Amino acid sequence: RSVVRAQGRAGAPQAPLLRITAGPAHSSDDPIDIDSESEEFTGGEMEEETEDME
């Protein structure tokens, strides 16, 4: 069970990282918007997930 929890936490931050990497690689002006939105969205989701998991 401990391993599953660790994977879940690592999965959340990893998803946004992949999106950010794909964003800038696609366009130069688009990544800025995606980065800002992704970071904000991730922060909210991560906070909620962390509370639920803990």
N, C-alpha and C. Protein backbone atom coordinates (compact mmCIF):
# COMPACT_ATOMS: atom_id res chain seq x y z
N ARG A 1 0.85 -1.20 0.00
CA ARG A 1 0.00 0.00 0.00
C ARG A 1 0.88 1.25 0.00
N SER A 2 2.00 1.17 0.65
CA SER A 2 2.90 2.33 0.72
C SER A 2 3.38 2.70 -0.69
N VAL A 3 3.71 1.69 -1.46
CA VAL A 3 4.23 1.93 -2.82
C VAL A 3 3.15 2.61 -3.66
N VAL A 4 1.92 2.14 -3.53
CA VAL A 4 0.83 2.71 -4.34
C VAL A 4 0.69 4.20 -4.02
N ARG A 5 0.76 4.55 -2.76
CA ARG A 5 0.61 5.97 -2.38
C ARG A 5 1.73 6.80 -2.99
N ALA A 6 2.93 6.28 -2.93
CA ALA A 6 4.08 7.02 -3.46
C ALA A 6 3.90 7.21 -4.97
N GLN A 7 3.41 6.19 -5.65
CA GLN A 7 3.22 6.30 -7.10
C GLN A 7 2.16 7.35 -7.42
N GLY A 8 1.10 7.37 -6.65
CA GLY A 8 0.02 8.34 -6.90
C GLY A 8 0.55 9.76 -6.78
N ARG A 9 1.32 10.02 -5.77
CA ARG A 9 1.86 11.37 -5.58
C ARG A 9 2.80 11.74 -6.72
N ALA A 10 3.63 10.80 -7.13
CA ALA A 10 4.58 11.07 -8.21
C ALA A 10 3.83 11.21 -9.54
N GLY A 11 2.71 10.52 -9.67
CA GLY A 11 1.93 10.59 -10.92
C GLY A 11 1.35 11.98 -11.12
N ALA A 12 0.86 12.59 -10.08
CA ALA A 12 0.24 13.91 -10.21
C ALA A 12 1.23 14.93 -10.77
N PRO A 13 2.39 15.10 -10.14
CA PRO A 13 3.37 16.09 -10.61
C PRO A 13 3.95 15.72 -11.97
N GLN A 14 4.00 14.43 -12.27
CA GLN A 14 4.58 14.01 -13.55
C GLN A 14 3.67 14.39 -14.71
N ALA A 15 2.39 14.27 -14.54
CA ALA A 15 1.45 14.59 -15.63
C ALA A 15 1.66 16.02 -16.12
N PRO A 16 1.67 17.01 -15.24
CA PRO A 16 1.85 18.41 -15.65
C PRO A 16 3.21 18.62 -16.31
N LEU A 17 4.21 17.94 -15.81
CA LEU A 17 5.55 18.11 -16.38
C LEU A 17 5.55 17.70 -17.85
N LEU A 18 4.90 16.58 -18.14
CA LEU A 18 4.84 16.10 -19.52
C LEU A 18 4.11 17.11 -20.39
N ARG A 19 3.03 17.67 -19.87
CA ARG A 19 2.25 18.64 -20.65
C ARG A 19 3.08 19.88 -20.93
N ILE A 20 3.77 20.36 -19.93
CA ILE A 20 4.58 21.58 -20.10
C ILE A 20 5.66 21.32 -21.17
N THR A 21 6.25 20.13 -21.13
CA THR A 21 7.31 19.81 -22.09
C THR A 21 6.75 19.77 -23.51
N ALA A 22 5.55 19.22 -23.65
CA ALA A 22 4.94 19.11 -24.98
C ALA A 22 4.48 20.50 -25.45
N GLY A 23 4.07 21.33 -24.53
CA GLY A 23 3.58 22.68 -24.89
C GLY A 23 4.65 23.49 -25.59
N PRO A 24 5.76 23.77 -24.93
CA PRO A 24 6.82 24.60 -25.51
C PRO A 24 7.39 23.98 -26.78
N ALA A 25 7.43 22.66 -26.85
CA ALA A 25 7.99 21.99 -28.03
C ALA A 25 7.08 22.24 -29.25
N HIS A 26 5.80 22.43 -28.99
CA HIS A 26 4.85 22.64 -30.09
C HIS A 26 4.96 24.06 -30.65
N SER A 27 4.83 25.05 -29.77
CA SER A 27 4.86 26.45 -30.22
C SER A 27 5.73 27.28 -29.28
N SER A 28 6.01 28.51 -29.70
CA SER A 28 6.84 29.38 -28.85
C SER A 28 5.96 30.33 -28.05
N ASP A 29 4.84 30.74 -28.62
CA ASP A 29 3.94 31.66 -27.91
C ASP A 29 2.89 30.90 -27.11
N ASP A 30 2.59 29.69 -27.53
CA ASP A 30 1.57 28.88 -26.84
C ASP A 30 2.06 28.36 -25.49
N PRO A 31 3.31 27.98 -25.39
CA PRO A 31 3.84 27.39 -24.15
C PRO A 31 3.65 28.31 -22.95
N ILE A 32 3.82 29.60 -23.16
CA ILE A 32 3.69 30.56 -22.04
C ILE A 32 2.29 30.42 -21.44
N ASP A 33 1.28 30.41 -22.27
CA ASP A 33 -0.10 30.31 -21.76
C ASP A 33 -0.32 28.93 -21.12
N ILE A 34 0.13 27.90 -21.79
CA ILE A 34 -0.05 26.53 -21.27
C ILE A 34 0.67 26.39 -19.94
N ASP A 35 1.88 26.93 -19.85
CA ASP A 35 2.66 26.84 -18.62
C ASP A 35 1.89 27.47 -17.45
N SER A 36 1.37 28.65 -17.68
CA SER A 36 0.65 29.36 -16.60
C SER A 36 -0.59 28.58 -16.21
N GLU A 37 -1.35 28.15 -17.20
CA GLU A 37 -2.60 27.42 -16.91
C GLU A 37 -2.28 26.06 -16.27
N SER A 38 -1.31 25.38 -16.81
CA SER A 38 -0.96 24.04 -16.29
C SER A 38 -0.52 24.15 -14.83
N GLU A 39 0.33 25.11 -14.55
CA GLU A 39 0.84 25.25 -13.17
C GLU A 39 -0.31 25.55 -12.21
N GLU A 40 -1.19 26.44 -12.61
CA GLU A 40 -2.31 26.79 -11.72
C GLU A 40 -3.22 25.57 -11.53
N PHE A 41 -3.56 24.92 -12.63
CA PHE A 41 -4.45 23.76 -12.55
C PHE A 41 -3.81 22.65 -11.72
N THR A 42 -2.55 22.40 -11.97
CA THR A 42 -1.85 21.34 -11.24
C THR A 42 -1.83 21.66 -9.75
N GLY A 43 -1.51 22.90 -9.40
CA GLY A 43 -1.44 23.29 -7.99
C GLY A 43 -2.76 22.98 -7.28
N GLY A 44 -3.86 23.36 -7.88
CA GLY A 44 -5.15 23.12 -7.24
C GLY A 44 -5.43 21.63 -7.12
N GLU A 45 -5.19 20.90 -8.18
CA GLU A 45 -5.46 19.45 -8.14
C GLU A 45 -4.51 18.75 -7.16
N MET A 46 -3.26 19.12 -7.18
CA MET A 46 -2.29 18.47 -6.30
C MET A 46 -2.65 18.71 -4.83
N GLU A 47 -3.04 19.92 -4.51
CA GLU A 47 -3.39 20.23 -3.11
C GLU A 47 -4.56 19.36 -2.66
N GLU A 48 -5.56 19.25 -3.52
CA GLU A 48 -6.74 18.45 -3.15
C GLU A 48 -6.36 16.98 -3.02
N GLU A 49 -5.57 16.50 -3.95
CA GLU A 49 -5.18 15.08 -3.92
C GLU A 49 -4.34 14.78 -2.68
N THR A 50 -3.44 15.68 -2.36
CA THR A 50 -2.58 15.46 -1.19
C THR A 50 -3.43 15.36 0.07
N GLU A 51 -4.41 16.23 0.20
CA GLU A 51 -5.25 16.20 1.41
C GLU A 51 -6.01 14.87 1.48
N ASP A 52 -6.53 14.43 0.35
CA ASP A 52 -7.30 13.19 0.32
C ASP A 52 -6.39 12.00 0.67
N MET A 53 -5.22 11.97 0.07
CA MET A 53 -4.29 10.85 0.29
C MET A 53 -3.83 10.84 1.75
N GLU A 54 -3.47 11.99 2.25
CA GLU A 54 -2.96 12.06 3.63
C GLU A 54 -4.08 11.70 4.59
